[in-house]
PDB file of all heavy atoms in Angstrom:
ATOM      1  N   TRP A   1       0.823  -1.209   0.000  1.00  0.00           N
ATOM      2  CA  TRP A   1       0.000   0.000   0.000  1.00  0.00           C
ATOM      3  C   TRP A   1       0.859   1.261   0.000  1.00  0.00           C
ATOM      4  O   TRP A   1       1.995   1.268   0.447  1.00  0.00           O
ATOM      5  CB  TRP A   1      -0.844   0.065   1.262  1.00  0.00           C
ATOM      6  CG  TRP A   1      -1.963  -0.901   1.397  1.00  0.00           C
ATOM      7  CD1 TRP A   1      -2.248  -1.985   0.615  1.00  0.00           C
ATOM      8  CD2 TRP A   1      -2.962  -0.885   2.428  1.00  0.00           C
ATOM      9  NE1 TRP A   1      -3.360  -2.626   1.099  1.00  0.00           N
ATOM     10  CE2 TRP A   1      -3.816  -1.984   2.199  1.00  0.00           C
ATOM     11  CE3 TRP A   1      -3.206  -0.054   3.513  1.00  0.00           C
ATOM     12  CZ2 TRP A   1      -4.905  -2.267   3.026  1.00  0.00           C
ATOM     13  CZ3 TRP A   1      -4.285  -0.326   4.337  1.00  0.00           C
ATOM     14  CH2 TRP A   1      -5.126  -1.420   4.087  1.00  0.00           C
ATOM     15  N   SER A   2       0.236   2.339  -0.459  1.00  0.00           N
ATOM     16  CA  SER A   2       0.753   3.693  -0.301  1.00  0.00           C
ATOM     17  C   SER A   2      -0.449   4.613  -0.126  1.00  0.00           C
ATOM     18  O   SER A   2      -1.583   4.207  -0.359  1.00  0.00           O
ATOM     19  CB  SER A   2       1.580   4.119  -1.515  1.00  0.00           C
ATOM     20  OG  SER A   2       2.182   5.380  -1.281  1.00  0.00           O
ATOM     21  N   SER A   3      -0.191   5.837   0.278  1.00  0.00           N
ATOM     22  CA  SER A   3      -1.264   6.799   0.517  1.00  0.00           C
ATOM     23  C   SER A   3      -1.210   7.913  -0.514  1.00  0.00           C
ATOM     24  O   SER A   3      -0.137   8.285  -0.996  1.00  0.00           O
ATOM     25  CB  SER A   3      -1.114   7.396   1.927  1.00  0.00           C
ATOM     26  OG  SER A   3      -2.148   8.301   2.206  1.00  0.00           O
ATOM     27  N   GLY A   4      -2.364   8.437  -0.838  1.00  0.00           N
ATOM     28  CA  GLY A   4      -2.463   9.571  -1.748  1.00  0.00           C
ATOM     29  C   GLY A   4      -3.712  10.368  -1.407  1.00  0.00           C
ATOM     30  O   GLY A   4      -4.365  10.105  -0.405  1.00  0.00           O
ATOM     31  N   THR A   5      -4.030  11.319  -2.255  1.00  0.00           N
ATOM     32  CA  THR A   5      -5.251  12.106  -2.067  1.00  0.00           C
ATOM     33  C   THR A   5      -6.059  12.091  -3.366  1.00  0.00           C
ATOM     34  O   THR A   5      -5.521  11.844  -4.450  1.00  0.00           O
ATOM     35  CB  THR A   5      -4.949  13.568  -1.676  1.00  0.00           C
ATOM     36  OG1 THR A   5      -4.172  14.174  -2.697  1.00  0.00           O
ATOM     37  CG2 THR A   5      -4.211  13.646  -0.342  1.00  0.00           C
ATOM     38  N   ALA A   6      -7.330  12.378  -3.220  1.00  0.00           N
ATOM     39  CA  ALA A   6      -8.244  12.339  -4.362  1.00  0.00           C
ATOM     40  C   ALA A   6      -7.861  13.343  -5.443  1.00  0.00           C
ATOM     41  O   ALA A   6      -8.095  13.100  -6.624  1.00  0.00           O
ATOM     42  CB  ALA A   6      -9.675  12.591  -3.884  1.00  0.00           C
ATOM     43  N   ASP A   7      -7.238  14.468  -5.052  1.00  0.00           N
ATOM     44  CA  ASP A   7      -6.953  15.519  -6.031  1.00  0.00           C
ATOM     45  C   ASP A   7      -5.544  15.464  -6.627  1.00  0.00           C
ATOM     46  O   ASP A   7      -5.166  16.329  -7.403  1.00  0.00           O
ATOM     47  CB  ASP A   7      -7.199  16.892  -5.407  1.00  0.00           C
ATOM     48  CG  ASP A   7      -6.299  17.188  -4.222  1.00  0.00           C
ATOM     49  OD1 ASP A   7      -5.589  16.272  -3.742  1.00  0.00           O
ATOM     50  OD2 ASP A   7      -6.316  18.341  -3.745  1.00  0.00           O
ATOM     51  N   ARG A   8      -4.770  14.455  -6.317  1.00  0.00           N
ATOM     52  CA  ARG A   8      -3.416  14.348  -6.875  1.00  0.00           C
ATOM     53  C   ARG A   8      -3.462  13.947  -8.344  1.00  0.00           C
ATOM     54  O   ARG A   8      -4.334  13.192  -8.780  1.00  0.00           O
ATOM     55  CB  ARG A   8      -2.599  13.304  -6.104  1.00  0.00           C
ATOM     56  CG  ARG A   8      -2.250  13.778  -4.720  1.00  0.00           C
ATOM     57  CD  ARG A   8      -0.770  13.556  -4.441  1.00  0.00           C
ATOM     58  NE  ARG A   8      -0.374  14.336  -3.281  1.00  0.00           N
ATOM     59  CZ  ARG A   8      -0.158  13.837  -2.086  1.00  0.00           C
ATOM     60  NH1 ARG A   8      -0.287  12.549  -1.877  1.00  0.00           N
ATOM     61  NH2 ARG A   8       0.209  14.613  -1.108  1.00  0.00           N
ATOM     62  N   ARG A   9      -2.499  14.450  -9.094  1.00  0.00           N
ATOM     63  CA  ARG A   9      -2.412  14.103 -10.529  1.00  0.00           C
ATOM     64  C   ARG A   9      -2.206  12.610 -10.720  1.00  0.00           C
ATOM     65  O   ARG A   9      -2.757  12.017 -11.632  1.00  0.00           O
ATOM     66  CB  ARG A   9      -1.270  14.881 -11.190  1.00  0.00           C
ATOM     67  CG  ARG A   9      -1.443  16.384 -11.187  1.00  0.00           C
ATOM     68  CD  ARG A   9      -2.357  16.850 -12.237  1.00  0.00           C
ATOM     69  NE  ARG A   9      -1.797  16.472 -13.526  1.00  0.00           N
ATOM     70  CZ  ARG A   9      -2.473  16.491 -14.659  1.00  0.00           C
ATOM     71  NH1 ARG A   9      -3.720  16.869 -14.664  1.00  0.00           N
ATOM     72  NH2 ARG A   9      -1.914  16.127 -15.778  1.00  0.00           N
ATOM     73  N   ARG A  10      -1.398  11.985  -9.862  1.00  0.00           N
ATOM     74  CA  ARG A  10      -1.175  10.544 -10.015  1.00  0.00           C
ATOM     75  C   ARG A  10      -2.459   9.764  -9.804  1.00  0.00           C
ATOM     76  O   ARG A  10      -2.684   8.752 -10.460  1.00  0.00           O
ATOM     77  CB  ARG A  10      -0.055  10.046  -9.105  1.00  0.00           C
ATOM     78  CG  ARG A  10      -0.330  10.199  -7.647  1.00  0.00           C
ATOM     79  CD  ARG A  10       0.839   9.676  -6.830  1.00  0.00           C
ATOM     80  NE  ARG A  10       0.774  10.247  -5.504  1.00  0.00           N
ATOM     81  CZ  ARG A  10       1.748  10.881  -4.909  1.00  0.00           C
ATOM     82  NH1 ARG A  10       2.906  11.034  -5.503  1.00  0.00           N
ATOM     83  NH2 ARG A  10       1.602  11.353  -3.704  1.00  0.00           N
ATOM     84  N   THR A  11      -3.335  10.242  -8.921  1.00  0.00           N
ATOM     85  CA  THR A  11      -4.636   9.589  -8.727  1.00  0.00           C
ATOM     86  C   THR A  11      -5.458   9.700 -10.004  1.00  0.00           C
ATOM     87  O   THR A  11      -6.052   8.718 -10.457  1.00  0.00           O
ATOM     88  CB  THR A  11      -5.392  10.216  -7.544  1.00  0.00           C
ATOM     89  OG1 THR A  11      -4.578  10.115  -6.358  1.00  0.00           O
ATOM     90  CG2 THR A  11      -6.719   9.537  -7.299  1.00  0.00           C
ATOM     91  N   GLU A  12      -5.447  10.872 -10.599  1.00  0.00           N
ATOM     92  CA  GLU A  12      -6.149  11.081 -11.871  1.00  0.00           C
ATOM     93  C   GLU A  12      -5.601  10.152 -12.950  1.00  0.00           C
ATOM     94  O   GLU A  12      -6.371   9.523 -13.684  1.00  0.00           O
ATOM     95  CB  GLU A  12      -5.975  12.545 -12.287  1.00  0.00           C
ATOM     96  CG  GLU A  12      -6.585  12.908 -13.608  1.00  0.00           C
ATOM     97  CD  GLU A  12      -6.264  14.346 -13.991  1.00  0.00           C
ATOM     98  OE1 GLU A  12      -6.333  15.232 -13.116  1.00  0.00           O
ATOM     99  OE2 GLU A  12      -5.940  14.570 -15.181  1.00  0.00           O
ATOM    100  N   ARG A  13      -4.269  10.061 -13.035  1.00  0.00           N
ATOM    101  CA  ARG A  13      -3.672   9.179 -14.044  1.00  0.00           C
ATOM    102  C   ARG A  13      -4.025   7.716 -13.785  1.00  0.00           C
ATOM    103  O   ARG A  13      -4.295   6.958 -14.721  1.00  0.00           O
ATOM    104  CB  ARG A  13      -2.155   9.375 -14.083  1.00  0.00           C
ATOM    105  CG  ARG A  13      -1.744  10.709 -14.694  1.00  0.00           C
ATOM    106  CD  ARG A  13      -0.267  10.793 -14.987  1.00  0.00           C
ATOM    107  NE  ARG A  13       0.578  10.773 -13.815  1.00  0.00           N
ATOM    108  CZ  ARG A  13       0.960  11.852 -13.127  1.00  0.00           C
ATOM    109  NH1 ARG A  13       0.566  13.061 -13.513  1.00  0.00           N
ATOM    110  NH2 ARG A  13       1.748  11.740 -12.085  1.00  0.00           N
ATOM    111  N   LEU A  14      -4.024   7.294 -12.514  1.00  0.00           N
ATOM    112  CA  LEU A  14      -4.348   5.900 -12.188  1.00  0.00           C
ATOM    113  C   LEU A  14      -5.817   5.575 -12.438  1.00  0.00           C
ATOM    114  O   LEU A  14      -6.152   4.440 -12.762  1.00  0.00           O
ATOM    115  CB  LEU A  14      -3.978   5.586 -10.738  1.00  0.00           C
ATOM    116  CG  LEU A  14      -2.473   5.507 -10.482  1.00  0.00           C
ATOM    117  CD1 LEU A  14      -2.194   5.517  -8.988  1.00  0.00           C
ATOM    118  CD2 LEU A  14      -1.877   4.288 -11.158  1.00  0.00           C
ATOM    119  N   ARG A  15      -6.694   6.555 -12.303  1.00  0.00           N
ATOM    120  CA  ARG A  15      -8.110   6.319 -12.630  1.00  0.00           C
ATOM    121  C   ARG A  15      -8.270   6.069 -14.131  1.00  0.00           C
ATOM    122  O   ARG A  15      -9.122   5.299 -14.550  1.00  0.00           O
ATOM    123  CB  ARG A  15      -8.969   7.497 -12.185  1.00  0.00           C
ATOM    124  CG  ARG A  15      -9.112   7.619 -10.676  1.00  0.00           C
ATOM    125  CD  ARG A  15     -10.135   8.686 -10.323  1.00  0.00           C
ATOM    126  NE  ARG A  15     -10.052   9.138  -8.958  1.00  0.00           N
ATOM    127  CZ  ARG A  15     -10.495   8.473  -7.891  1.00  0.00           C
ATOM    128  NH1 ARG A  15     -11.028   7.282  -8.051  1.00  0.00           N
ATOM    129  NH2 ARG A  15     -10.397   8.976  -6.678  1.00  0.00           N
ATOM    130  N   ARG A  16      -7.433   6.719 -14.926  1.00  0.00           N
ATOM    131  CA  ARG A  16      -7.477   6.547 -16.374  1.00  0.00           C
ATOM    132  C   ARG A  16      -6.768   5.266 -16.820  1.00  0.00           C
ATOM    133  O   ARG A  16      -7.228   4.568 -17.712  1.00  0.00           O
ATOM    134  CB  ARG A  16      -6.848   7.776 -17.051  1.00  0.00           C
ATOM    135  CG  ARG A  16      -7.042   7.819 -18.565  1.00  0.00           C
ATOM    136  CD  ARG A  16      -6.331   8.989 -19.231  1.00  0.00           C
ATOM    137  NE  ARG A  16      -4.881   8.842 -19.141  1.00  0.00           N
ATOM    138  CZ  ARG A  16      -4.087   9.509 -18.298  1.00  0.00           C
ATOM    139  NH1 ARG A  16      -4.572  10.403 -17.484  1.00  0.00           N
ATOM    140  NH2 ARG A  16      -2.794   9.297 -18.282  1.00  0.00           N
ATOM    141  N   ASP A  17      -5.631   4.975 -16.190  1.00  0.00           N
ATOM    142  CA  ASP A  17      -4.826   3.805 -16.545  1.00  0.00           C
ATOM    143  C   ASP A  17      -4.176   3.286 -15.261  1.00  0.00           C
ATOM    144  O   ASP A  17      -3.260   3.921 -14.737  1.00  0.00           O
ATOM    145  CB  ASP A  17      -3.752   4.203 -17.562  1.00  0.00           C
ATOM    146  CG  ASP A  17      -2.951   3.018 -18.080  1.00  0.00           C
ATOM    147  OD1 ASP A  17      -2.915   1.956 -17.399  1.00  0.00           O
ATOM    148  OD2 ASP A  17      -2.342   3.153 -19.149  1.00  0.00           O
ATOM    149  N   PRO A  18      -4.649   2.151 -14.736  1.00  0.00           N
ATOM    150  CA  PRO A  18      -4.177   1.684 -13.423  1.00  0.00           C
ATOM    151  C   PRO A  18      -2.791   1.036 -13.430  1.00  0.00           C
ATOM    152  O   PRO A  18      -2.335   0.588 -12.381  1.00  0.00           O
ATOM    153  CB  PRO A  18      -5.250   0.670 -13.016  1.00  0.00           C
ATOM    154  CG  PRO A  18      -5.759   0.136 -14.300  1.00  0.00           C
ATOM    155  CD  PRO A  18      -5.710   1.305 -15.269  1.00  0.00           C
ATOM    156  N   ARG A  19      -2.113   1.011 -14.557  1.00  0.00           N
ATOM    157  CA  ARG A  19      -0.764   0.436 -14.580  1.00  0.00           C
ATOM    158  C   ARG A  19       0.233   1.380 -13.911  1.00  0.00           C
ATOM    159  O   ARG A  19       0.161   2.599 -14.090  1.00  0.00           O
ATOM    160  CB  ARG A  19      -0.309   0.160 -16.014  1.00  0.00           C
ATOM    161  CG  ARG A  19      -1.115  -0.930 -16.688  1.00  0.00           C
ATOM    162  CD  ARG A  19      -0.699  -1.119 -18.120  1.00  0.00           C
ATOM    163  NE  ARG A  19      -0.981   0.109 -18.870  1.00  0.00           N
ATOM    164  CZ  ARG A  19      -0.473   0.398 -20.059  1.00  0.00           C
ATOM    165  NH1 ARG A  19       0.354  -0.445 -20.647  1.00  0.00           N
ATOM    166  NH2 ARG A  19      -0.792   1.522 -20.671  1.00  0.00           N
ATOM    167  N   CYS A  20       1.151   0.766 -13.150  1.00  0.00           N
ATOM    168  CA  CYS A  20       2.125   1.557 -12.407  1.00  0.00           C
ATOM    169  C   CYS A  20       3.358   0.710 -12.162  1.00  0.00           C
ATOM    170  O   CYS A  20       3.251  -0.487 -11.881  1.00  0.00           O
ATOM    171  CB  CYS A  20       1.498   1.979 -11.077  1.00  0.00           C
ATOM    172  SG  CYS A  20       2.633   2.700  -9.891  1.00  0.00           S
ATOM    173  N   THR A  21       4.522   1.319 -12.277  1.00  0.00           N
ATOM    174  CA  THR A  21       5.764   0.659 -11.901  1.00  0.00           C
ATOM    175  C   THR A  21       6.279   1.318 -10.636  1.00  0.00           C
ATOM    176  O   THR A  21       6.281   2.545 -10.516  1.00  0.00           O
ATOM    177  CB  THR A  21       6.815   0.775 -13.023  1.00  0.00           C
ATOM    178  OG1 THR A  21       6.309   0.125 -14.191  1.00  0.00           O
ATOM    179  CG2 THR A  21       8.133   0.150 -12.617  1.00  0.00           C
ATOM    180  N   LEU A  22       6.690   0.477  -9.678  1.00  0.00           N
ATOM    181  CA  LEU A  22       7.335   0.960  -8.459  1.00  0.00           C
ATOM    182  C   LEU A  22       8.802   0.593  -8.516  1.00  0.00           C
ATOM    183  O   LEU A  22       9.149  -0.536  -8.890  1.00  0.00           O
ATOM    184  CB  LEU A  22       6.720   0.311  -7.223  1.00  0.00           C
ATOM    185  CG  LEU A  22       5.286   0.674  -6.897  1.00  0.00           C
ATOM    186  CD1 LEU A  22       4.820  -0.123  -5.688  1.00  0.00           C
ATOM    187  CD2 LEU A  22       5.143   2.158  -6.650  1.00  0.00           C
ATOM    188  N   PHE A  23       9.654   1.524  -8.129  1.00  0.00           N
ATOM    189  CA  PHE A  23      11.082   1.290  -8.035  1.00  0.00           C
ATOM    190  C   PHE A  23      11.444   1.508  -6.573  1.00  0.00           C
ATOM    191  O   PHE A  23      11.556   2.644  -6.113  1.00  0.00           O
ATOM    192  CB  PHE A  23      11.835   2.259  -8.954  1.00  0.00           C
ATOM    193  CG  PHE A  23      13.319   2.073  -8.947  1.00  0.00           C
ATOM    194  CD1 PHE A  23      13.904   1.037  -9.661  1.00  0.00           C
ATOM    195  CD2 PHE A  23      14.141   2.934  -8.231  1.00  0.00           C
ATOM    196  CE1 PHE A  23      15.280   0.865  -9.663  1.00  0.00           C
ATOM    197  CE2 PHE A  23      15.509   2.768  -8.229  1.00  0.00           C
ATOM    198  CZ  PHE A  23      16.087   1.735  -8.943  1.00  0.00           C
ATOM    199  N   VAL A  24      11.545   0.416  -5.815  1.00  0.00           N
ATOM    200  CA  VAL A  24      11.839   0.476  -4.383  1.00  0.00           C
ATOM    201  C   VAL A  24      13.346   0.385  -4.231  1.00  0.00           C
ATOM    202  O   VAL A  24      13.978  -0.509  -4.804  1.00  0.00           O
ATOM    203  CB  VAL A  24      11.130  -0.678  -3.630  1.00  0.00           C
ATOM    204  CG1 VAL A  24      11.333  -0.532  -2.128  1.00  0.00           C
ATOM    205  CG2 VAL A  24       9.642  -0.714  -3.978  1.00  0.00           C
ATOM    206  N   PHE A  25      13.941   1.296  -3.440  1.00  0.00           N
ATOM    207  CA  PHE A  25      15.391   1.397  -3.431  1.00  0.00           C
ATOM    208  C   PHE A  25      15.949   1.601  -2.031  1.00  0.00           C
ATOM    209  O   PHE A  25      15.242   1.942  -1.107  1.00  0.00           O
ATOM    210  CB  PHE A  25      15.837   2.545  -4.340  1.00  0.00           C
ATOM    211  CG  PHE A  25      15.208   3.870  -3.995  1.00  0.00           C
ATOM    212  CD1 PHE A  25      15.816   4.737  -3.104  1.00  0.00           C
ATOM    213  CD2 PHE A  25      13.988   4.248  -4.562  1.00  0.00           C
ATOM    214  CE1 PHE A  25      15.238   5.965  -2.792  1.00  0.00           C
ATOM    215  CE2 PHE A  25      13.406   5.467  -4.254  1.00  0.00           C
ATOM    216  CZ  PHE A  25      14.030   6.324  -3.364  1.00  0.00           C
ATOM    217  N   ASP A  26      17.271   1.374  -1.929  1.00  0.00           N
ATOM    218  CA  ASP A  26      17.986   1.710  -0.705  1.00  0.00           C
ATOM    219  C   ASP A  26      19.025   2.772  -1.050  1.00  0.00           C
ATOM    220  O   ASP A  26      19.066   3.262  -2.180  1.00  0.00           O
ATOM    221  CB  ASP A  26      18.590   0.471  -0.035  1.00  0.00           C
ATOM    222  CG  ASP A  26      19.764  -0.140  -0.797  1.00  0.00           C
ATOM    223  OD1 ASP A  26      20.207   0.434  -1.815  1.00  0.00           O
ATOM    224  OD2 ASP A  26      20.239  -1.202  -0.370  1.00  0.00           O
ATOM    225  N   VAL A  27      19.868   3.116  -0.096  1.00  0.00           N
ATOM    226  CA  VAL A  27      20.837   4.199  -0.324  1.00  0.00           C
ATOM    227  C   VAL A  27      22.037   3.751  -1.147  1.00  0.00           C
ATOM    228  O   VAL A  27      22.794   4.589  -1.620  1.00  0.00           O
ATOM    229  CB  VAL A  27      21.314   4.824   1.009  1.00  0.00           C
ATOM    230  CG1 VAL A  27      20.155   5.501   1.715  1.00  0.00           C
ATOM    231  CG2 VAL A  27      21.962   3.787   1.900  1.00  0.00           C
ATOM    232  N   ALA A  28      22.219   2.459  -1.324  1.00  0.00           N
ATOM    233  CA  ALA A  28      23.331   1.963  -2.140  1.00  0.00           C
ATOM    234  C   ALA A  28      22.804   1.634  -3.536  1.00  0.00           C
ATOM    235  O   ALA A  28      22.197   2.484  -4.175  1.00  0.00           O
ATOM    236  CB  ALA A  28      23.972   0.740  -1.473  1.00  0.00           C
ATOM    237  N   TYR A  29      23.004   0.414  -3.984  1.00  0.00           N
ATOM    238  CA  TYR A  29      22.622   0.051  -5.344  1.00  0.00           C
ATOM    239  C   TYR A  29      21.527  -0.995  -5.422  1.00  0.00           C
ATOM    240  O   TYR A  29      21.104  -1.352  -6.512  1.00  0.00           O
ATOM    241  CB  TYR A  29      23.852  -0.439  -6.122  1.00  0.00           C
ATOM    242  CG  TYR A  29      24.865   0.650  -6.312  1.00  0.00           C
ATOM    243  CD1 TYR A  29      26.010   0.687  -5.528  1.00  0.00           C
ATOM    244  CD2 TYR A  29      24.654   1.649  -7.241  1.00  0.00           C
ATOM    245  CE1 TYR A  29      26.936   1.704  -5.690  1.00  0.00           C
ATOM    246  CE2 TYR A  29      25.576   2.662  -7.413  1.00  0.00           C
ATOM    247  CZ  TYR A  29      26.712   2.682  -6.629  1.00  0.00           C
ATOM    248  OH  TYR A  29      27.615   3.690  -6.792  1.00  0.00           O
ATOM    249  N   ALA A  30      21.082  -1.524  -4.288  1.00  0.00           N
ATOM    250  CA  ALA A  30      20.043  -2.551  -4.309  1.00  0.00           C
ATOM    251  C   ALA A  30      18.696  -1.907  -4.644  1.00  0.00           C
ATOM    252  O   ALA A  30      18.428  -0.752  -4.307  1.00  0.00           O
ATOM    253  CB  ALA A  30      19.980  -3.269  -2.970  1.00  0.00           C
ATOM    254  N   TYR A  31      17.856  -2.680  -5.314  1.00  0.00           N
ATOM    255  CA  TYR A  31      16.545  -2.171  -5.706  1.00  0.00           C
ATOM    256  C   TYR A  31      15.617  -3.335  -6.002  1.00  0.00           C
ATOM    257  O   TYR A  31      16.040  -4.463  -6.228  1.00  0.00           O
ATOM    258  CB  TYR A  31      16.630  -1.256  -6.932  1.00  0.00           C
ATOM    259  CG  TYR A  31      17.003  -2.007  -8.199  1.00  0.00           C
ATOM    260  CD1 TYR A  31      16.006  -2.493  -9.048  1.00  0.00           C
ATOM    261  CD2 TYR A  31      18.329  -2.263  -8.519  1.00  0.00           C
ATOM    262  CE1 TYR A  31      16.340  -3.207 -10.198  1.00  0.00           C
ATOM    263  CE2 TYR A  31      18.658  -2.972  -9.667  1.00  0.00           C
ATOM    264  CZ  TYR A  31      17.664  -3.440 -10.500  1.00  0.00           C
ATOM    265  OH  TYR A  31      17.985  -4.147 -11.622  1.00  0.00           O
ATOM    266  N   LEU A  32      14.327  -3.032  -6.026  1.00  0.00           N
ATOM    267  CA  LEU A  32      13.302  -3.985  -6.439  1.00  0.00           C
ATOM    268  C   LEU A  32      12.324  -3.225  -7.320  1.00  0.00           C
ATOM    269  O   LEU A  32      11.764  -2.205  -6.901  1.00  0.00           O
ATOM    270  CB  LEU A  32      12.583  -4.579  -5.227  1.00  0.00           C
ATOM    271  CG  LEU A  32      11.476  -5.597  -5.505  1.00  0.00           C
ATOM    272  CD1 LEU A  32      12.030  -6.825  -6.229  1.00  0.00           C
ATOM    273  CD2 LEU A  32      10.790  -6.008  -4.204  1.00  0.00           C
ATOM    274  N   THR A  33      12.161  -3.695  -8.549  1.00  0.00           N
ATOM    275  CA  THR A  33      11.195  -3.095  -9.464  1.00  0.00           C
ATOM    276  C   THR A  33       9.940  -3.955  -9.468  1.00  0.00           C
ATOM    277  O   THR A  33      10.021  -5.175  -9.574  1.00  0.00           O
ATOM    278  CB  THR A  33      11.773  -3.001 -10.888  1.00  0.00           C
ATOM    279  OG1 THR A  33      12.962  -2.193 -10.854  1.00  0.00           O
ATOM    280  CG2 THR A  33      10.772  -2.381 -11.847  1.00  0.00           C
ATOM    281  N   LEU A  34       8.790  -3.307  -9.339  1.00  0.00           N
ATOM    282  CA  LEU A  34       7.505  -4.002  -9.307  1.00  0.00           C
ATOM    283  C   LEU A  34       6.596  -3.422 -10.381  1.00  0.00           C
ATOM    284  O   LEU A  34       6.285  -2.224 -10.358  1.00  0.00           O
ATOM    285  CB  LEU A  34       6.842  -3.832  -7.934  1.00  0.00           C
ATOM    286  CG  LEU A  34       7.663  -4.298  -6.732  1.00  0.00           C
ATOM    287  CD1 LEU A  34       7.010  -3.857  -5.433  1.00  0.00           C
ATOM    288  CD2 LEU A  34       7.850  -5.797  -6.768  1.00  0.00           C
TER     289      LEU A  34
END
């Protein structure tokens, strides 16, 4: 989960197209793309 608000642009974009990529990262070079 993550939090947002009804009036955010990303909320508007997700209502139109629910596809999303998350890039979860640490301070070095490790990451997880979802």
